[in-house]
Amino acid sequence: MTDEESITKAGVLTELDHEWSVLQAFIATLTDAQMTVPTDDAGWTVKDHLIHLVLWLYNVPAIIDGASRPEAMGISEEKFHEGADAINAWLQLQYRDVPLVDVLQRLNDTHARIRARLDQMTDEDLRRPYNHYQPSDPRTAPVVGWLLGNSAHHYSEHLPWMQAIAARLPS
């Protein structure tokens, strides 16, 4: 069986559910102060990381719908093409004052919508090339990489960074 043939909706949802559970378990251990006061060396709080996850989650339906990813994230095409570091720095400045309660609600709501959307897809849908959904883009790898990259894989990527930040202010 090839890697492409091994892509299944059940596997994608299992991975998404697992990474979500890990993220939620971590969040449940934190005080509001741990999420909003300590920062990393770049000035990001745990809350900043969480809103960052929300904003990148907006890419999932945009990709599937063939819509503009920059528009889904609320940024210009120019900013989007400056690369991830420029996007992330801009987003952090724009959203750093969003109240924690709103960030957590957006995270929960957006994750639930993304999960429901992925649940509507078939194994074949997940195996289709990226440019099937985004025809102006030449990339041909299976779209599932971008869908997980903006959700489950993104959660696990940010978790150690958030853990390190939270550890700067013991509960």
Protein backbone atom coordinates (compact mmCIF):
# COMPACT_ATOMS: atom_id res chain seq x y z
CA MET A 1 0.00 0.00 0.00
CA THR A 2 1.35 3.45 -0.91
CA ASP A 3 1.32 6.38 1.48
CA GLU A 4 -1.46 7.96 -0.54
CA GLU A 5 -3.59 4.82 -0.25
CA SER A 6 -3.09 4.82 3.51
CA ILE A 7 -4.78 8.22 3.89
CA THR A 8 -8.22 7.70 5.38
CA LYS A 9 -10.79 10.00 6.88
CA ALA A 10 -10.89 7.77 9.96
CA GLY A 11 -7.14 8.14 10.42
CA VAL A 12 -7.25 11.89 9.91
CA LEU A 13 -10.08 12.32 12.41
CA THR A 14 -8.34 10.07 14.93
CA GLU A 15 -5.17 12.14 14.68
CA LEU A 16 -7.11 15.40 14.91
CA ASP A 17 -9.07 14.18 17.94
CA HIS A 18 -5.91 12.98 19.68
CA GLU A 19 -3.98 16.23 19.19
CA TRP A 20 -7.04 18.24 20.24
CA SER A 21 -7.37 16.18 23.43
CA VAL A 22 -3.70 16.73 24.25
CA LEU A 23 -4.07 20.48 23.66
CA GLN A 24 -7.24 20.68 25.75
CA ALA A 25 -5.67 18.70 28.59
CA PHE A 26 -2.77 21.16 28.63
CA ILE A 27 -5.04 24.22 28.59
CA ALA A 28 -7.05 22.75 31.48
CA THR A 29 -3.92 22.81 33.68
CA LEU A 30 -3.31 26.52 33.20
CA THR A 31 -4.42 29.55 35.14
CA ASP A 32 -5.55 32.65 33.29
CA ALA A 33 -2.31 34.30 34.38
CA GLN A 34 -0.21 31.49 32.88
CA MET A 35 -1.98 32.05 29.57
CA THR A 36 -1.68 35.83 29.54
CA VAL A 37 1.33 37.01 31.56
CA PRO A 38 4.57 35.13 30.82
CA THR A 39 6.04 35.43 27.35
CA ASP A 40 8.66 33.70 25.30
CA ASP A 41 11.70 35.55 23.99
CA ALA A 42 9.64 36.79 21.03
CA GLY A 43 7.03 38.31 23.34
CA TRP A 44 4.33 35.70 22.75
CA THR A 45 2.01 34.48 25.51
CA VAL A 46 0.18 31.15 25.53
CA LYS A 47 -2.91 33.15 24.54
CA ASP A 48 -1.02 34.52 21.51
CA HIS A 49 -0.20 30.98 20.45
CA LEU A 50 -3.84 29.93 20.84
CA ILE A 51 -5.22 32.77 18.69
CA HIS A 52 -2.47 31.99 16.19
CA LEU A 53 -3.79 28.42 16.00
CA VAL A 54 -7.31 29.76 15.40
CA LEU A 55 -6.21 32.05 12.59
CA TRP A 56 -4.30 29.30 10.81
CA LEU A 57 -7.28 26.95 11.26
CA TYR A 58 -9.21 29.36 9.05
CA ASN A 59 -7.08 28.01 6.19
CA VAL A 60 -8.77 24.60 6.29
CA PRO A 61 -12.17 25.61 4.86
CA ALA A 62 -10.50 28.15 2.58
CA ILE A 63 -8.35 25.42 1.05
CA ILE A 64 -11.27 23.01 0.63
CA ASP A 65 -13.52 25.70 -0.86
CA GLY A 66 -10.90 27.02 -3.25
CA ALA A 67 -11.11 30.37 -1.46
CA SER A 68 -8.38 32.85 -0.68
CA ARG A 69 -6.28 31.75 2.27
CA PRO A 70 -5.10 35.31 2.98
CA GLU A 71 -8.68 36.55 2.97
CA ALA A 72 -9.71 33.74 5.34
CA MET A 73 -6.97 34.85 7.73
CA GLY A 74 -7.81 38.53 7.37
CA ILE A 75 -4.51 39.53 5.80
CA SER A 76 -3.46 41.00 2.48
CA GLU A 77 -2.12 38.90 -0.39
CA GLU A 78 1.11 40.85 -0.09
CA LYS A 79 1.51 39.99 3.60
CA PHE A 80 0.67 36.35 2.89
CA HIS A 81 3.45 36.14 0.31
CA GLU A 82 6.00 37.56 2.75
CA GLY A 83 6.03 34.15 4.42
CA ALA A 84 5.00 32.54 7.68
CA ASP A 85 7.27 34.59 9.97
CA ALA A 86 5.94 37.90 8.64
CA ILE A 87 2.35 36.64 8.78
CA ASN A 88 2.77 35.39 12.33
CA ALA A 89 4.36 38.61 13.59
CA TRP A 90 1.60 40.69 12.01
CA LEU A 91 -1.17 38.46 13.37
CA GLN A 92 0.30 38.54 16.87
CA LEU A 93 0.29 42.35 16.85
CA GLN A 94 -3.27 42.50 15.51
CA TYR A 95 -4.78 40.00 17.93
CA ARG A 96 -2.78 40.33 21.15
CA ASP A 97 -5.51 42.37 22.85
CA VAL A 98 -8.33 39.88 22.23
CA PRO A 99 -9.62 38.79 25.65
CA LEU A 100 -8.63 35.29 26.76
CA VAL A 101 -12.25 34.15 27.05
CA ASP A 102 -12.82 35.13 23.41
CA VAL A 103 -9.65 33.37 22.27
CA LEU A 104 -10.68 30.15 24.02
CA GLN A 105 -14.21 30.35 22.58
CA ARG A 106 -12.89 30.96 19.06
CA LEU A 107 -10.49 28.05 19.43
CA ASN A 108 -13.24 25.67 20.52
CA ASP A 109 -15.73 26.87 17.91
CA THR A 110 -13.23 26.88 15.06
CA HIS A 111 -11.88 23.44 15.91
CA ALA A 112 -15.44 22.05 16.04
CA ARG A 113 -16.25 23.54 12.61
CA ILE A 114 -13.01 22.18 11.12
CA ARG A 115 -13.63 18.73 12.54
CA ALA A 116 -17.17 18.69 11.17
CA ARG A 117 -15.88 19.85 7.80
CA LEU A 118 -13.23 17.13 7.64
CA ASP A 119 -15.84 14.58 8.68
CA GLN A 120 -17.80 15.47 5.52
CA MET A 121 -14.85 14.59 3.30
CA THR A 122 -14.15 11.16 1.86
CA ASP A 123 -10.87 9.27 1.78
CA GLU A 124 -10.65 10.20 -1.90
CA ASP A 125 -11.21 13.89 -1.12
CA LEU A 126 -8.29 13.84 1.32
CA ARG A 127 -6.04 12.19 -1.26
CA ARG A 128 -6.77 14.73 -4.00
CA PRO A 129 -3.88 17.03 -4.89
CA TYR A 130 -3.73 20.45 -3.29
CA ASN A 131 -4.23 22.08 -6.69
CA HIS A 132 -7.54 20.25 -7.10
CA TYR A 133 -8.85 22.61 -4.41
CA GLN A 134 -6.57 25.57 -5.15
CA PRO A 135 -6.31 25.45 -8.98
CA SER A 136 -4.00 28.45 -9.28
CA ASP A 137 -1.40 26.71 -7.11
CA PRO A 138 0.92 24.19 -8.80
CA ARG A 139 1.41 21.93 -5.75
CA THR A 140 0.26 18.36 -6.30
CA ALA A 141 0.85 16.65 -2.95
CA PRO A 142 -2.29 15.32 -1.24
CA VAL A 143 -4.32 18.13 0.34
CA VAL A 144 -4.46 16.24 3.63
CA GLY A 145 -0.96 17.51 4.42
CA TRP A 146 -2.19 21.11 4.45
CA LEU A 147 -5.38 20.23 6.29
CA LEU A 148 -3.50 18.47 9.11
CA GLY A 149 -0.67 20.99 8.97
CA ASN A 150 -3.09 23.77 9.83
CA SER A 151 -4.84 21.75 12.54
CA ALA A 152 -3.57 18.63 14.35
CA HIS A 153 0.09 19.02 13.40
CA HIS A 154 -0.05 22.71 14.26
CA TYR A 155 -1.43 21.93 17.73
CA SER A 156 1.43 19.54 18.45
CA GLU A 157 4.01 21.94 16.98
CA HIS A 158 2.99 24.75 19.35
CA LEU A 159 2.44 22.66 22.47
CA PRO A 160 6.09 22.55 23.65
CA TRP A 161 6.43 26.30 23.11
CA MET A 162 3.29 26.96 25.15
CA GLN A 163 4.46 24.57 27.86
CA ALA A 164 7.75 26.44 28.12
CA ILE A 165 5.96 29.78 28.39
CA ALA A 166 3.52 28.56 31.04
CA ALA A 167 6.39 27.10 33.08
CA ARG A 168 7.77 30.62 33.51
CA LEU A 169 4.87 31.33 35.90
CA PRO A 170 4.18 28.28 38.06
CA SER A 171 0.54 27.83 39.05
